[in-house]
Amino acid sequence: EGNSDRRAPKAVKEYARKNPHSMADWSQASRSHVSHMH
């Protein structure tokens, strides 16, 4: 119903292509756990 269109506008896509984001170094001290039902 038009409420949740997640597509990025063309200008946003172009900016992201010209200015790619790189992930910072991942600290080995960082603890996380992702889970889902099986």
PDB file of all heavy atoms in Angstrom:
ATOM      1  N   GLU A   1       0.821  -1.210   0.000  1.00  0.00           N
ATOM      2  CA  GLU A   1       0.000   0.000   0.000  1.00  0.00           C
ATOM      3  C   GLU A   1       0.862   1.270   0.000  1.00  0.00           C
ATOM      4  O   GLU A   1       0.475   2.298   0.522  1.00  0.00           O
ATOM      5  CB  GLU A   1      -0.952   0.002   1.205  1.00  0.00           C
ATOM      6  CG  GLU A   1      -1.911  -1.170   1.194  1.00  0.00           C
ATOM      7  CD  GLU A   1      -2.764  -1.264   2.444  1.00  0.00           C
ATOM      8  OE1 GLU A   1      -2.486  -0.546   3.423  1.00  0.00           O
ATOM      9  OE2 GLU A   1      -3.710  -2.050   2.428  1.00  0.00           O
ATOM     10  N   GLY A   2       2.051   1.160  -0.545  1.00  0.00           N
ATOM     11  CA  GLY A   2       2.916   2.323  -0.660  1.00  0.00           C
ATOM     12  C   GLY A   2       3.525   2.799   0.645  1.00  0.00           C
ATOM     13  O   GLY A   2       4.210   3.805   0.680  1.00  0.00           O
ATOM     14  N   ASN A   3       3.309   2.078   1.736  1.00  0.00           N
ATOM     15  CA  ASN A   3       3.777   2.547   3.037  1.00  0.00           C
ATOM     16  C   ASN A   3       5.250   2.256   3.307  1.00  0.00           C
ATOM     17  O   ASN A   3       5.874   2.926   4.098  1.00  0.00           O
ATOM     18  CB  ASN A   3       2.950   1.901   4.156  1.00  0.00           C
ATOM     19  CG  ASN A   3       1.520   2.356   4.127  1.00  0.00           C
ATOM     20  OD1 ASN A   3       1.237   3.447   3.662  1.00  0.00           O
ATOM     21  ND2 ASN A   3       0.623   1.528   4.605  1.00  0.00           N
ATOM     22  N   SER A   4       5.774   1.241   2.692  1.00  0.00           N
ATOM     23  CA  SER A   4       7.119   0.813   3.058  1.00  0.00           C
ATOM     24  C   SER A   4       7.997   0.558   1.844  1.00  0.00           C
ATOM     25  O   SER A   4       8.643  -0.464   1.744  1.00  0.00           O
ATOM     26  CB  SER A   4       7.038  -0.450   3.909  1.00  0.00           C
ATOM     27  OG  SER A   4       6.326  -0.198   5.077  1.00  0.00           O
ATOM     28  N   ASP A   5       8.022   1.479   0.928  1.00  0.00           N
ATOM     29  CA  ASP A   5       8.873   1.324  -0.243  1.00  0.00           C
ATOM     30  C   ASP A   5      10.313   1.541   0.198  1.00  0.00           C
ATOM     31  O   ASP A   5      10.703   2.643   0.560  1.00  0.00           O
ATOM     32  CB  ASP A   5       8.463   2.331  -1.314  1.00  0.00           C
ATOM     33  CG  ASP A   5       9.148   2.057  -2.640  1.00  0.00           C
ATOM     34  OD1 ASP A   5      10.107   1.264  -2.656  1.00  0.00           O
ATOM     35  OD2 ASP A   5       8.718   2.624  -3.653  1.00  0.00           O
ATOM     36  N   ARG A   6      11.099   0.473   0.208  1.00  0.00           N
ATOM     37  CA  ARG A   6      12.466   0.533   0.719  1.00  0.00           C
ATOM     38  C   ARG A   6      13.503   0.868  -0.361  1.00  0.00           C
ATOM     39  O   ARG A   6      14.685   0.860  -0.101  1.00  0.00           O
ATOM     40  CB  ARG A   6      12.836  -0.820   1.354  1.00  0.00           C
ATOM     41  CG  ARG A   6      11.946  -1.249   2.492  1.00  0.00           C
ATOM     42  CD  ARG A   6      12.430  -0.623   3.790  1.00  0.00           C
ATOM     43  NE  ARG A   6      11.890  -1.266   4.972  1.00  0.00           N
ATOM     44  CZ  ARG A   6      10.710  -1.017   5.505  1.00  0.00           C
ATOM     45  NH1 ARG A   6       9.906  -0.167   4.921  1.00  0.00           N
ATOM     46  NH2 ARG A   6      10.323  -1.612   6.612  1.00  0.00           N
ATOM     47  N   ARG A   7      13.045   1.114  -1.574  1.00  0.00           N
ATOM     48  CA  ARG A   7      13.997   1.413  -2.641  1.00  0.00           C
ATOM     49  C   ARG A   7      14.607   2.796  -2.428  1.00  0.00           C
ATOM     50  O   ARG A   7      13.895   3.765  -2.196  1.00  0.00           O
ATOM     51  CB  ARG A   7      13.306   1.345  -3.997  1.00  0.00           C
ATOM     52  CG  ARG A   7      12.903  -0.087  -4.365  1.00  0.00           C
ATOM     53  CD  ARG A   7      12.108  -0.117  -5.618  1.00  0.00           C
ATOM     54  NE  ARG A   7      10.787   0.460  -5.330  1.00  0.00           N
ATOM     55  CZ  ARG A   7       9.777   0.465  -6.171  1.00  0.00           C
ATOM     56  NH1 ARG A   7       9.902  -0.055  -7.352  1.00  0.00           N
ATOM     57  NH2 ARG A   7       8.629   1.005  -5.831  1.00  0.00           N
ATOM     58  N   ALA A   8      15.924   2.871  -2.546  1.00  0.00           N
ATOM     59  CA  ALA A   8      16.617   4.146  -2.363  1.00  0.00           C
ATOM     60  C   ALA A   8      16.446   5.003  -3.614  1.00  0.00           C
ATOM     61  O   ALA A   8      16.487   4.493  -4.735  1.00  0.00           O
ATOM     62  CB  ALA A   8      18.094   3.896  -2.099  1.00  0.00           C
ATOM     63  N   PRO A   9      16.283   6.316  -3.430  1.00  0.00           N
ATOM     64  CA  PRO A   9      16.198   7.214  -4.591  1.00  0.00           C
ATOM     65  C   PRO A   9      17.495   7.168  -5.398  1.00  0.00           C
ATOM     66  O   PRO A   9      18.568   6.853  -4.870  1.00  0.00           O
ATOM     67  CB  PRO A   9      15.999   8.595  -3.963  1.00  0.00           C
ATOM     68  CG  PRO A   9      15.500   8.333  -2.586  1.00  0.00           C
ATOM     69  CD  PRO A   9      16.089   7.009  -2.180  1.00  0.00           C
ATOM     70  N   LYS A  10      17.406   7.489  -6.682  1.00  0.00           N
ATOM     71  CA  LYS A  10      18.563   7.431  -7.583  1.00  0.00           C
ATOM     72  C   LYS A  10      19.736   8.264  -7.049  1.00  0.00           C
ATOM     73  O   LYS A  10      20.883   7.823  -7.091  1.00  0.00           O
ATOM     74  CB  LYS A  10      18.145   7.914  -8.971  1.00  0.00           C
ATOM     75  CG  LYS A  10      19.237   7.764  -9.994  1.00  0.00           C
ATOM     76  CD  LYS A  10      18.759   8.183 -11.373  1.00  0.00           C
ATOM     77  CE  LYS A  10      19.891   8.033 -12.361  1.00  0.00           C
ATOM     78  NZ  LYS A  10      19.516   8.492 -13.694  1.00  0.00           N
ATOM     79  N   ALA A  11      19.467   9.449  -6.532  1.00  0.00           N
ATOM     80  CA  ALA A  11      20.535  10.318  -6.022  1.00  0.00           C
ATOM     81  C   ALA A  11      21.280   9.664  -4.861  1.00  0.00           C
ATOM     82  O   ALA A  11      22.505   9.784  -4.741  1.00  0.00           O
ATOM     83  CB  ALA A  11      19.957  11.660  -5.574  1.00  0.00           C
ATOM     84  N   VAL A  12      20.562   8.955  -4.014  1.00  0.00           N
ATOM     85  CA  VAL A  12      21.189   8.277  -2.875  1.00  0.00           C
ATOM     86  C   VAL A  12      22.075   7.146  -3.379  1.00  0.00           C
ATOM     87  O   VAL A  12      23.199   6.949  -2.893  1.00  0.00           O
ATOM     88  CB  VAL A  12      20.112   7.741  -1.898  1.00  0.00           C
ATOM     89  CG1 VAL A  12      20.728   6.881  -0.815  1.00  0.00           C
ATOM     90  CG2 VAL A  12      19.333   8.900  -1.295  1.00  0.00           C
ATOM     91  N   LYS A  13      21.605   6.386  -4.361  1.00  0.00           N
ATOM     92  CA  LYS A  13      22.402   5.299  -4.931  1.00  0.00           C
ATOM     93  C   LYS A  13      23.679   5.834  -5.568  1.00  0.00           C
ATOM     94  O   LYS A  13      24.760   5.273  -5.398  1.00  0.00           O
ATOM     95  CB  LYS A  13      21.594   4.523  -5.969  1.00  0.00           C
ATOM     96  CG  LYS A  13      20.541   3.631  -5.374  1.00  0.00           C
ATOM     97  CD  LYS A  13      19.850   2.856  -6.476  1.00  0.00           C
ATOM     98  CE  LYS A  13      18.796   1.946  -5.915  1.00  0.00           C
ATOM     99  NZ  LYS A  13      18.128   1.166  -6.967  1.00  0.00           N
ATOM    100  N   GLU A  14      23.540   6.936  -6.319  1.00  0.00           N
ATOM    101  CA  GLU A  14      24.717   7.523  -6.983  1.00  0.00           C
ATOM    102  C   GLU A  14      25.737   8.011  -5.954  1.00  0.00           C
ATOM    103  O   GLU A  14      26.941   7.824  -6.125  1.00  0.00           O
ATOM    104  CB  GLU A  14      24.286   8.658  -7.908  1.00  0.00           C
ATOM    105  CG  GLU A  14      23.570   8.161  -9.144  1.00  0.00           C
ATOM    106  CD  GLU A  14      23.012   9.287  -9.998  1.00  0.00           C
ATOM    107  OE1 GLU A  14      23.228  10.478  -9.667  1.00  0.00           O
ATOM    108  OE2 GLU A  14      22.344   8.965 -10.994  1.00  0.00           O
ATOM    109  N   TYR A  15      25.268   8.642  -4.876  1.00  0.00           N
ATOM    110  CA  TYR A  15      26.172   9.106  -3.822  1.00  0.00           C
ATOM    111  C   TYR A  15      26.910   7.917  -3.203  1.00  0.00           C
ATOM    112  O   TYR A  15      28.125   7.969  -2.976  1.00  0.00           O
ATOM    113  CB  TYR A  15      25.405   9.866  -2.739  1.00  0.00           C
ATOM    114  CG  TYR A  15      26.293  10.313  -1.606  1.00  0.00           C
ATOM    115  CD1 TYR A  15      27.013  11.502  -1.699  1.00  0.00           C
ATOM    116  CD2 TYR A  15      26.447   9.534  -0.458  1.00  0.00           C
ATOM    117  CE1 TYR A  15      27.856  11.915  -0.668  1.00  0.00           C
ATOM    118  CE2 TYR A  15      27.284   9.924   0.572  1.00  0.00           C
ATOM    119  CZ  TYR A  15      27.986  11.119   0.461  1.00  0.00           C
ATOM    120  OH  TYR A  15      28.821  11.521   1.468  1.00  0.00           O
ATOM    121  N   ALA A  16      26.192   6.835  -2.936  1.00  0.00           N
ATOM    122  CA  ALA A  16      26.806   5.652  -2.325  1.00  0.00           C
ATOM    123  C   ALA A  16      27.850   5.033  -3.245  1.00  0.00           C
ATOM    124  O   ALA A  16      28.890   4.544  -2.774  1.00  0.00           O
ATOM    125  CB  ALA A  16      25.732   4.632  -1.972  1.00  0.00           C
ATOM    126  N   ARG A  17      27.597   5.045  -4.541  1.00  0.00           N
ATOM    127  CA  ARG A  17      28.574   4.497  -5.488  1.00  0.00           C
ATOM    128  C   ARG A  17      29.850   5.348  -5.517  1.00  0.00           C
ATOM    129  O   ARG A  17      30.956   4.833  -5.613  1.00  0.00           O
ATOM    130  CB  ARG A  17      27.963   4.422  -6.889  1.00  0.00           C
ATOM    131  CG  ARG A  17      26.981   3.280  -7.042  1.00  0.00           C
ATOM    132  CD  ARG A  17      26.502   3.143  -8.494  1.00  0.00           C
ATOM    133  NE  ARG A  17      25.432   2.175  -8.555  1.00  0.00           N
ATOM    134  CZ  ARG A  17      24.164   2.473  -8.801  1.00  0.00           C
ATOM    135  NH1 ARG A  17      23.802   3.718  -9.037  1.00  0.00           N
ATOM    136  NH2 ARG A  17      23.247   1.531  -8.830  1.00  0.00           N
ATOM    137  N   LYS A  18      29.686   6.669  -5.435  1.00  0.00           N
ATOM    138  CA  LYS A  18      30.836   7.571  -5.477  1.00  0.00           C
ATOM    139  C   LYS A  18      31.584   7.618  -4.144  1.00  0.00           C
ATOM    140  O   LYS A  18      32.764   7.927  -4.097  1.00  0.00           O
ATOM    141  CB  LYS A  18      30.385   8.988  -5.851  1.00  0.00           C
ATOM    142  CG  LYS A  18      29.922   9.113  -7.282  1.00  0.00           C
ATOM    143  CD  LYS A  18      29.424  10.515  -7.568  1.00  0.00           C
ATOM    144  CE  LYS A  18      28.847  10.607  -8.965  1.00  0.00           C
ATOM    145  NZ  LYS A  18      28.202  11.900  -9.214  1.00  0.00           N
ATOM    146  N   ASN A  19      30.872   7.347  -3.050  1.00  0.00           N
ATOM    147  CA  ASN A  19      31.471   7.415  -1.704  1.00  0.00           C
ATOM    148  C   ASN A  19      31.208   6.115  -0.946  1.00  0.00           C
ATOM    149  O   ASN A  19      30.450   6.088   0.023  1.00  0.00           O
ATOM    150  CB  ASN A  19      30.858   8.592  -0.928  1.00  0.00           C
ATOM    151  CG  ASN A  19      31.034   9.897  -1.658  1.00  0.00           C
ATOM    152  OD1 ASN A  19      32.098  10.472  -1.666  1.00  0.00           O
ATOM    153  ND2 ASN A  19      29.967  10.354  -2.299  1.00  0.00           N
ATOM    154  N   PRO A  20      31.845   5.032  -1.364  1.00  0.00           N
ATOM    155  CA  PRO A  20      31.564   3.743  -0.702  1.00  0.00           C
ATOM    156  C   PRO A  20      32.002   3.747   0.760  1.00  0.00           C
ATOM    157  O   PRO A  20      33.025   4.333   1.115  1.00  0.00           O
ATOM    158  CB  PRO A  20      32.361   2.730  -1.527  1.00  0.00           C
ATOM    159  CG  PRO A  20      33.399   3.532  -2.232  1.00  0.00           C
ATOM    160  CD  PRO A  20      32.842   4.915  -2.415  1.00  0.00           C
ATOM    161  N   HIS A  21      31.205   3.121   1.589  1.00  0.00           N
ATOM    162  CA  HIS A  21      31.497   3.028   3.017  1.00  0.00           C
ATOM    163  C   HIS A  21      32.314   1.765   3.274  1.00  0.00           C
ATOM    164  O   HIS A  21      31.953   0.691   2.804  1.00  0.00           O
ATOM    165  CB  HIS A  21      30.191   2.966   3.808  1.00  0.00           C
ATOM    166  CG  HIS A  21      30.384   2.728   5.271  1.00  0.00           C
ATOM    167  ND1 HIS A  21      30.816   3.711   6.125  1.00  0.00           N
ATOM    168  CD2 HIS A  21      30.231   1.610   6.027  1.00  0.00           C
ATOM    169  CE1 HIS A  21      30.913   3.210   7.352  1.00  0.00           C
ATOM    170  NE2 HIS A  21      30.554   1.940   7.309  1.00  0.00           N
ATOM    171  N   SER A  22      33.390   1.903   3.999  1.00  0.00           N
ATOM    172  CA  SER A  22      34.172   0.707   4.328  1.00  0.00           C
ATOM    173  C   SER A  22      34.029   0.430   5.824  1.00  0.00           C
ATOM    174  O   SER A  22      33.964   1.349   6.638  1.00  0.00           O
ATOM    175  CB  SER A  22      35.643   0.905   3.972  1.00  0.00           C
ATOM    176  OG  SER A  22      36.185   1.970   4.730  1.00  0.00           O
ATOM    177  N   MET A  23      33.970  -0.830   6.141  1.00  0.00           N
ATOM    178  CA  MET A  23      33.848  -1.217   7.544  1.00  0.00           C
ATOM    179  C   MET A  23      35.169  -0.962   8.269  1.00  0.00           C
ATOM    180  O   MET A  23      36.244  -1.163   7.707  1.00  0.00           O
ATOM    181  CB  MET A  23      33.506  -2.711   7.646  1.00  0.00           C
ATOM    182  CG  MET A  23      32.145  -3.072   7.079  1.00  0.00           C
ATOM    183  SD  MET A  23      30.797  -2.403   8.051  1.00  0.00           S
ATOM    184  CE  MET A  23      30.923  -3.401   9.512  1.00  0.00           C
ATOM    185  N   ALA A  24      35.064  -0.543   9.506  1.00  0.00           N
ATOM    186  CA  ALA A  24      36.258  -0.349  10.323  1.00  0.00           C
ATOM    187  C   ALA A  24      36.788  -1.715  10.748  1.00  0.00           C
ATOM    188  O   ALA A  24      36.133  -2.742  10.559  1.00  0.00           O
ATOM    189  CB  ALA A  24      35.912   0.490  11.546  1.00  0.00           C
ATOM    190  N   ASP A  25      37.968  -1.730  11.327  1.00  0.00           N
ATOM    191  CA  ASP A  25      38.514  -2.989  11.825  1.00  0.00           C
ATOM    192  C   ASP A  25      37.588  -3.551  12.889  1.00  0.00           C
ATOM    193  O   ASP A  25      37.064  -2.814  13.728  1.00  0.00           O
ATOM    194  CB  ASP A  25      39.914  -2.776  12.413  1.00  0.00           C
ATOM    195  CG  ASP A  25      40.939  -2.470  11.332  1.00  0.00           C
ATOM    196  OD1 ASP A  25      40.688  -2.881  10.178  1.00  0.00           O
ATOM    197  OD2 ASP A  25      41.966  -1.838  11.641  1.00  0.00           O
ATOM    198  N   TRP A  26      37.391  -4.850  12.858  1.00  0.00           N
ATOM    199  CA  TRP A  26      36.529  -5.528  13.818  1.00  0.00           C
ATOM    200  C   TRP A  26      37.382  -5.989  14.982  1.00  0.00           C
ATOM    201  O   TRP A  26      38.317  -6.766  14.809  1.00  0.00           O
ATOM    202  CB  TRP A  26      35.846  -6.720  13.151  1.00  0.00           C
ATOM    203  CG  TRP A  26      34.779  -7.311  13.997  1.00  0.00           C
ATOM    204  CD1 TRP A  26      34.920  -8.366  14.842  1.00  0.00           C
ATOM    205  CD2 TRP A  26      33.426  -6.887  14.107  1.00  0.00           C
ATOM    206  NE1 TRP A  26      33.732  -8.633  15.474  1.00  0.00           N
ATOM    207  CE2 TRP A  26      32.797  -7.739  15.042  1.00  0.00           C
ATOM    208  CE3 TRP A  26      32.679  -5.875  13.521  1.00  0.00           C
ATOM    209  CZ2 TRP A  26      31.451  -7.601  15.379  1.00  0.00           C
ATOM    210  CZ3 TRP A  26      31.353  -5.751  13.863  1.00  0.00           C
ATOM    211  CH2 TRP A  26      30.755  -6.601  14.783  1.00  0.00           C
ATOM    212  N   SER A  27      37.067  -5.510  16.149  1.00  0.00           N
ATOM    213  CA  SER A  27      37.831  -5.858  17.340  1.00  0.00           C
ATOM    214  C   SER A  27      37.561  -7.307  17.744  1.00  0.00           C
ATOM    215  O   SER A  27      36.415  -7.745  17.801  1.00  0.00           O
ATOM    216  CB  SER A  27      37.447  -4.938  18.499  1.00  0.00           C
ATOM    217  OG  SER A  27      37.979  -5.429  19.710  1.00  0.00           O
ATOM    218  N   GLN A  28      38.624  -8.037  18.038  1.00  0.00           N
ATOM    219  CA  GLN A  28      38.482  -9.421  18.494  1.00  0.00           C
ATOM    220  C   GLN A  28      37.814  -9.480  19.864  1.00  0.00           C
ATOM    221  O   GLN A  28      37.291 -10.511  20.259  1.00  0.00           O
ATOM    222  CB  GLN A  28      39.848 -10.106  18.547  1.00  0.00           C
ATOM    223  CG  GLN A  28      40.479 -10.297  17.176  1.00  0.00           C
ATOM    224  CD  GLN A  28      39.650 -11.218  16.287  1.00  0.00           C
ATOM    225  OE1 GLN A  28      39.143 -12.232  16.730  1.00  0.00           O
ATOM    226  NE2 GLN A  28      39.503 -10.845  15.028  1.00  0.00           N
ATOM    227  N   ALA A  29      37.813  -8.357  20.581  1.00  0.00           N
ATOM    228  CA  ALA A  29      37.177  -8.314  21.901  1.00  0.00           C
ATOM    229  C   ALA A  29      35.657  -8.199  21.789  1.00  0.00           C
ATOM    230  O   ALA A  29      34.947  -8.409  22.765  1.00  0.00           O
ATOM    231  CB  ALA A  29      37.737  -7.140  22.707  1.00  0.00           C
ATOM    232  N   SER A  30      35.194  -7.853  20.603  1.00  0.00           N
ATOM    233  CA  SER A  30      33.749  -7.701  20.409  1.00  0.00           C
ATOM    234  C   SER A  30      33.084  -9.072  20.431  1.00  0.00           C
ATOM    235  O   SER A  30      33.486  -9.988  19.732  1.00  0.00           O
ATOM    236  CB  SER A  30      33.482  -7.022  19.068  1.00  0.00           C
ATOM    237  OG  SER A  30      32.100  -6.959  18.838  1.00  0.00           O
ATOM    238  N   ARG A  31      32.061  -9.208  21.273  1.00  0.00           N
ATOM    239  CA  ARG A  31      31.347 -10.482  21.373  1.00  0.00           C
ATOM    240  C   ARG A  31      29.923 -10.289  20.894  1.00  0.00           C
ATOM    241  O   ARG A  31      29.244  -9.352  21.310  1.00  0.00           O
ATOM    242  CB  ARG A  31      31.342 -10.991  22.806  1.00  0.00           C
ATOM    243  CG  ARG A  31      32.742 -11.298  23.313  1.00  0.00           C
ATOM    244  CD  ARG A  31      32.722 -11.855  24.697  1.00  0.00           C
ATOM    245  NE  ARG A  31      31.881 -11.031  25.570  1.00  0.00           N
ATOM    246  CZ  ARG A  31      31.469 -11.424  26.757  1.00  0.00           C
ATOM    247  NH1 ARG A  31      31.799 -12.594  27.225  1.00  0.00           N
ATOM    248  NH2 ARG A  31      30.716 -10.628  27.493  1.00  0.00           N
ATOM    249  N   SER A  32      29.495 -11.158  20.035  1.00  0.00           N
ATOM    250  CA  SER A  32      28.112 -11.102  19.565  1.00  0.00           C
ATOM    251  C   SER A  32      27.661 -12.503  19.193  1.00  0.00           C
ATOM    252  O   SER A  32      28.472 -13.405  18.996  1.00  0.00           O
ATOM    253  CB  SER A  32      27.967 -10.157  18.368  1.00  0.00           C
ATOM    254  OG  SER A  32      28.724 -10.644  17.279  1.00  0.00           O
ATOM    255  N   HIS A  33      26.372 -12.647  19.128  1.00  0.00           N
ATOM    256  CA  HIS A  33      25.794 -13.942  18.775  1.00  0.00           C
ATOM    257  C   HIS A  33      24.478 -13.669  18.067  1.00  0.00           C
ATOM    258  O   HIS A  33      23.615 -12.977  18.597  1.00  0.00           O
ATOM    259  CB  HIS A  33      25.557 -14.759  20.053  1.00  0.00           C
ATOM    260  CG  HIS A  33      24.782 -16.018  19.822  1.00  0.00           C
ATOM    261  ND1 HIS A  33      25.362 -17.166  19.356  1.00  0.00           N
ATOM    262  CD2 HIS A  33      23.467 -16.296  19.976  1.00  0.00           C
ATOM    263  CE1 HIS A  33      24.434 -18.110  19.263  1.00  0.00           C
ATOM    264  NE2 HIS A  33      23.274 -17.600  19.620  1.00  0.00           N
ATOM    265  N   VAL A  34      24.341 -14.167  16.865  1.00  0.00           N
ATOM    266  CA  VAL A  34      23.111 -14.004  16.104  1.00  0.00           C
ATOM    267  C   VAL A  34      22.488 -15.383  15.967  1.00  0.00           C
ATOM    268  O   VAL A  34      23.165 -16.346  15.657  1.00  0.00           O
ATOM    269  CB  VAL A  34      23.380 -13.405  14.702  1.00  0.00           C
ATOM    270  CG1 VAL A  34      22.102 -13.318  13.890  1.00  0.00           C
ATOM    271  CG2 VAL A  34      24.043 -12.041  14.835  1.00  0.00           C
ATOM    272  N   SER A  35      21.202 -15.457  16.211  1.00  0.00           N
ATOM    273  CA  SER A  35      20.529 -16.747  16.162  1.00  0.00           C
ATOM    274  C   SER A  35      19.160 -16.611  15.523  1.00  0.00           C
ATOM    275  O   SER A  35      18.607 -15.519  15.451  1.00  0.00           O
ATOM    276  CB  SER A  35      20.387 -17.309  17.575  1.00  0.00           C
ATOM    277  OG  SER A  35      19.871 -18.617  17.532  1.00  0.00           O
ATOM    278  N   HIS A  36      18.650 -17.722  15.058  1.00  0.00           N
ATOM    279  CA  HIS A  36      17.304 -17.761  14.497  1.00  0.00           C
ATOM    280  C   HIS A  36      16.694 -19.118  14.798  1.00  0.00           C
ATOM    281  O   HIS A  36      17.401 -20.064  15.132  1.00  0.00           O
ATOM    282  CB  HIS A  36      17.324 -17.513  12.982  1.00  0.00           C
ATOM    283  CG  HIS A  36      18.091 -18.556  12.225  1.00  0.00           C
ATOM    284  ND1 HIS A  36      17.505 -19.708  11.761  1.00  0.00           N
ATOM    285  CD2 HIS A  36      19.394 -18.632  11.883  1.00  0.00           C
ATOM    286  CE1 HIS A  36      18.411 -20.440  11.146  1.00  0.00           C
ATOM    287  NE2 HIS A  36      19.566 -19.809  11.212  1.00  0.00           N
ATOM    288  N   MET A  37      15.392 -19.190  14.668  1.00  0.00           N
ATOM    289  CA  MET A  37      14.713 -20.455  14.917  1.00  0.00           C
ATOM    290  C   MET A  37      15.054 -21.438  13.801  1.00  0.00           C
ATOM    291  O   MET A  37      15.258 -21.046  12.658  1.00  0.00           O
ATOM    292  CB  MET A  37      13.202 -20.245  14.990  1.00  0.00           C
ATOM    293  CG  MET A  37      12.768 -19.443  16.201  1.00  0.00           C
ATOM    294  SD  MET A  37      10.983 -19.137  16.237  1.00  0.00           S
ATOM    295  CE  MET A  37      10.362 -20.783  16.597  1.00  0.00           C
ATOM    296  N   HIS A  38      15.115 -22.713  14.150  1.00  0.00           N
ATOM    297  CA  HIS A  38      15.415 -23.752  13.166  1.00  0.00           C
ATOM    298  C   HIS A  38      14.206 -24.639  12.887  1.00  0.00           C
ATOM    299  O   HIS A  38      14.322 -25.638  12.181  1.00  0.00           O
ATOM    300  CB  HIS A  38      16.594 -24.601  13.641  1.00  0.00           C
ATOM    301  CG  HIS A  38      17.867 -23.823  13.712  1.00  0.00           C
ATOM    302  ND1 HIS A  38      18.641 -23.550  12.611  1.00  0.00           N
ATOM    303  CD2 HIS A  38      18.482 -23.215  14.753  1.00  0.00           C
ATOM    304  CE1 HIS A  38      19.684 -22.830  12.967  1.00  0.00           C
ATOM    305  NE2 HIS A  38      19.614 -22.603  14.258  1.00  0.00           N
TER     306      HIS A  38
END
